[in-house]
């Protein structure tokens, strides 16, 4: 991670792939512990190893997922909000 960005490209790719999977199978995501496809992105990310993630990154993904769930904007919106947060940090 460079000092001006929040996520590495690999982390962005992981968030995107999880969001795409949750969006493809919304019934399964909503039936899980998360209760929504947006929160399922955060829940699924939790099954990965967090060794390469710092507290700010994890909190950002969690807050994005919570806000997107509140808005019921869909799993891909979690990825999009994370990218927006990353771009805002770099400017």
C-alpha atoms as a PDB file:
ATOM      1  CA  UNK A   1       0.000   0.000   0.000  1.00  0.00           C
ATOM      2  CA  UNK A   2       1.440   3.357  -0.939  1.00  0.00           C
ATOM      3  CA  UNK A   3       1.088   6.168   1.601  1.00  0.00           C
ATOM      4  CA  UNK A   4      -1.535   7.927  -0.519  1.00  0.00           C
ATOM      5  CA  UNK A   5      -3.942   5.044  -1.084  1.00  0.00           C
ATOM      6  CA  UNK A   6      -6.091   3.056   1.265  1.00  0.00           C
ATOM      7  CA  UNK A   7      -6.177  -0.290  -0.559  1.00  0.00           C
ATOM      8  CA  UNK A   8      -3.685  -2.167  -2.709  1.00  0.00           C
ATOM      9  CA  UNK A   9      -4.847  -3.298  -6.141  1.00  0.00           C
ATOM     10  CA  UNK A  10      -5.004  -6.880  -4.854  1.00  0.00           C
ATOM     11  CA  UNK A  11      -7.266  -5.783  -1.985  1.00  0.00           C
ATOM     12  CA  UNK A  12      -9.508  -3.852  -4.393  1.00  0.00           C
ATOM     13  CA  UNK A  13      -9.706  -6.944  -6.599  1.00  0.00           C
ATOM     14  CA  UNK A  14     -10.655  -9.116  -3.622  1.00  0.00           C
ATOM     15  CA  UNK A  15     -13.411  -6.735  -2.512  1.00  0.00           C
ATOM     16  CA  UNK A  16     -14.715  -6.616  -6.081  1.00  0.00           C
ATOM     17  CA  UNK A  17     -14.742 -10.392  -6.526  1.00  0.00           C
ATOM     18  CA  UNK A  18     -16.548 -10.886  -3.216  1.00  0.00           C
ATOM     19  CA  UNK A  19     -19.099  -8.193  -4.117  1.00  0.00           C
ATOM     20  CA  UNK A  20     -19.682  -9.772  -7.538  1.00  0.00           C
ATOM     21  CA  UNK A  21     -20.274 -13.165  -5.939  1.00  0.00           C
ATOM     22  CA  UNK A  22     -22.690 -11.713  -3.381  1.00  0.00           C
ATOM     23  CA  UNK A  23     -24.537  -9.841  -6.146  1.00  0.00           C
ATOM     24  CA  UNK A  24     -24.834 -13.035  -8.238  1.00  0.00           C
ATOM     25  CA  UNK A  25     -26.350 -14.949  -5.338  1.00  0.00           C
ATOM     26  CA  UNK A  26     -28.349 -12.412  -3.317  1.00  0.00           C
ATOM     27  CA  UNK A  27     -30.693 -15.017  -1.840  1.00  0.00           C
ATOM     28  CA  UNK A  28     -27.781 -16.922  -0.309  1.00  0.00           C
ATOM     29  CA  UNK A  29     -26.179 -13.712   0.949  1.00  0.00           C
ATOM     30  CA  UNK A  30     -29.410 -12.548   2.562  1.00  0.00           C
ATOM     31  CA  UNK A  31     -30.013 -15.955   4.122  1.00  0.00           C
ATOM     32  CA  UNK A  32     -26.591 -15.935   5.808  1.00  0.00           C
ATOM     33  CA  UNK A  33     -25.696 -14.403   9.136  1.00  0.00           C
ATOM     34  CA  UNK A  34     -25.221 -10.994   7.508  1.00  0.00           C
ATOM     35  CA  UNK A  35     -28.861 -10.694   6.457  1.00  0.00           C
ATOM     36  CA  UNK A  36     -28.143  -8.605   3.349  1.00  0.00           C
ATOM     37  CA  UNK A  37     -25.954  -8.885   0.292  1.00  0.00           C
ATOM     38  CA  UNK A  38     -24.156  -5.687   1.300  1.00  0.00           C
ATOM     39  CA  UNK A  39     -23.213  -6.983   4.750  1.00  0.00           C
ATOM     40  CA  UNK A  40     -22.380 -10.356   3.206  1.00  0.00           C
ATOM     41  CA  UNK A  41     -19.455  -8.637   1.448  1.00  0.00           C
ATOM     42  CA  UNK A  42     -18.014  -7.701   4.854  1.00  0.00           C
ATOM     43  CA  UNK A  43     -18.863 -11.120   6.334  1.00  0.00           C
ATOM     44  CA  UNK A  44     -17.214 -12.963   3.425  1.00  0.00           C
ATOM     45  CA  UNK A  45     -14.138 -10.762   3.644  1.00  0.00           C
ATOM     46  CA  UNK A  46     -13.915 -11.879   7.268  1.00  0.00           C
ATOM     47  CA  UNK A  47     -13.219 -15.432   6.074  1.00  0.00           C
ATOM     48  CA  UNK A  48      -9.996 -14.275   4.421  1.00  0.00           C
ATOM     49  CA  UNK A  49      -6.722 -13.771   6.223  1.00  0.00           C
ATOM     50  CA  UNK A  50      -6.447 -10.263   7.599  1.00  0.00           C
ATOM     51  CA  UNK A  51      -2.649 -10.325   7.884  1.00  0.00           C
ATOM     52  CA  UNK A  52      -2.307  -7.900   4.981  1.00  0.00           C
ATOM     53  CA  UNK A  53      -5.100  -5.578   6.147  1.00  0.00           C
ATOM     54  CA  UNK A  54      -4.748  -2.774   8.669  1.00  0.00           C
ATOM     55  CA  UNK A  55      -7.446  -1.462  11.017  1.00  0.00           C
ATOM     56  CA  UNK A  56      -8.260   1.537   8.801  1.00  0.00           C
ATOM     57  CA  UNK A  57      -8.831  -0.686   5.773  1.00  0.00           C
ATOM     58  CA  UNK A  58     -11.020  -3.122   7.672  1.00  0.00           C
ATOM     59  CA  UNK A  59     -13.052  -0.347   9.273  1.00  0.00           C
ATOM     60  CA  UNK A  60     -13.545   1.312   5.884  1.00  0.00           C
ATOM     61  CA  UNK A  61     -14.937  -1.858   4.300  1.00  0.00           C
ATOM     62  CA  UNK A  62     -17.176  -2.462   7.309  1.00  0.00           C
ATOM     63  CA  UNK A  63     -18.542   1.104   7.318  1.00  0.00           C
ATOM     64  CA  UNK A  64     -19.102   0.991   3.552  1.00  0.00           C
ATOM     65  CA  UNK A  65     -20.999  -2.293   3.887  1.00  0.00           C
ATOM     66  CA  UNK A  66     -23.117  -0.922   6.726  1.00  0.00           C
ATOM     67  CA  UNK A  67     -24.005   2.249   4.833  1.00  0.00           C
ATOM     68  CA  UNK A  68     -24.810   0.344   1.651  1.00  0.00           C
ATOM     69  CA  UNK A  69     -27.016  -2.053   3.632  1.00  0.00           C
ATOM     70  CA  UNK A  70     -28.832   0.904   5.159  1.00  0.00           C
ATOM     71  CA  UNK A  71     -29.438   2.261   1.668  1.00  0.00           C
ATOM     72  CA  UNK A  72     -30.159  -1.222   0.248  1.00  0.00           C
ATOM     73  CA  UNK A  73     -27.938  -0.305  -2.680  1.00  0.00           C
ATOM     74  CA  UNK A  74     -26.540  -3.766  -3.462  1.00  0.00           C
ATOM     75  CA  UNK A  75     -23.287  -5.650  -3.019  1.00  0.00           C
ATOM     76  CA  UNK A  76     -21.446  -3.922  -5.862  1.00  0.00           C
ATOM     77  CA  UNK A  77     -22.098  -0.579  -4.185  1.00  0.00           C
ATOM     78  CA  UNK A  78     -19.862  -1.735  -1.311  1.00  0.00           C
ATOM     79  CA  UNK A  79     -16.998  -2.146  -3.759  1.00  0.00           C
ATOM     80  CA  UNK A  80     -17.795   1.180  -5.421  1.00  0.00           C
ATOM     81  CA  UNK A  81     -17.910   2.990  -2.067  1.00  0.00           C
ATOM     82  CA  UNK A  82     -14.570   1.439  -1.061  1.00  0.00           C
ATOM     83  CA  UNK A  83     -13.036   2.633  -4.333  1.00  0.00           C
ATOM     84  CA  UNK A  84     -14.466   6.119  -3.735  1.00  0.00           C
ATOM     85  CA  UNK A  85     -12.988   6.157  -0.218  1.00  0.00           C
ATOM     86  CA  UNK A  86      -9.649   5.037  -1.630  1.00  0.00           C
ATOM     87  CA  UNK A  87      -9.674   7.731  -4.298  1.00  0.00           C
ATOM     88  CA  UNK A  88     -10.691  10.392  -1.784  1.00  0.00           C
ATOM     89  CA  UNK A  89      -7.753   9.445   0.418  1.00  0.00           C
ATOM     90  CA  UNK A  90      -5.341   9.742  -2.494  1.00  0.00           C
ATOM     91  CA  UNK A  91      -6.352  13.324  -3.279  1.00  0.00           C
END
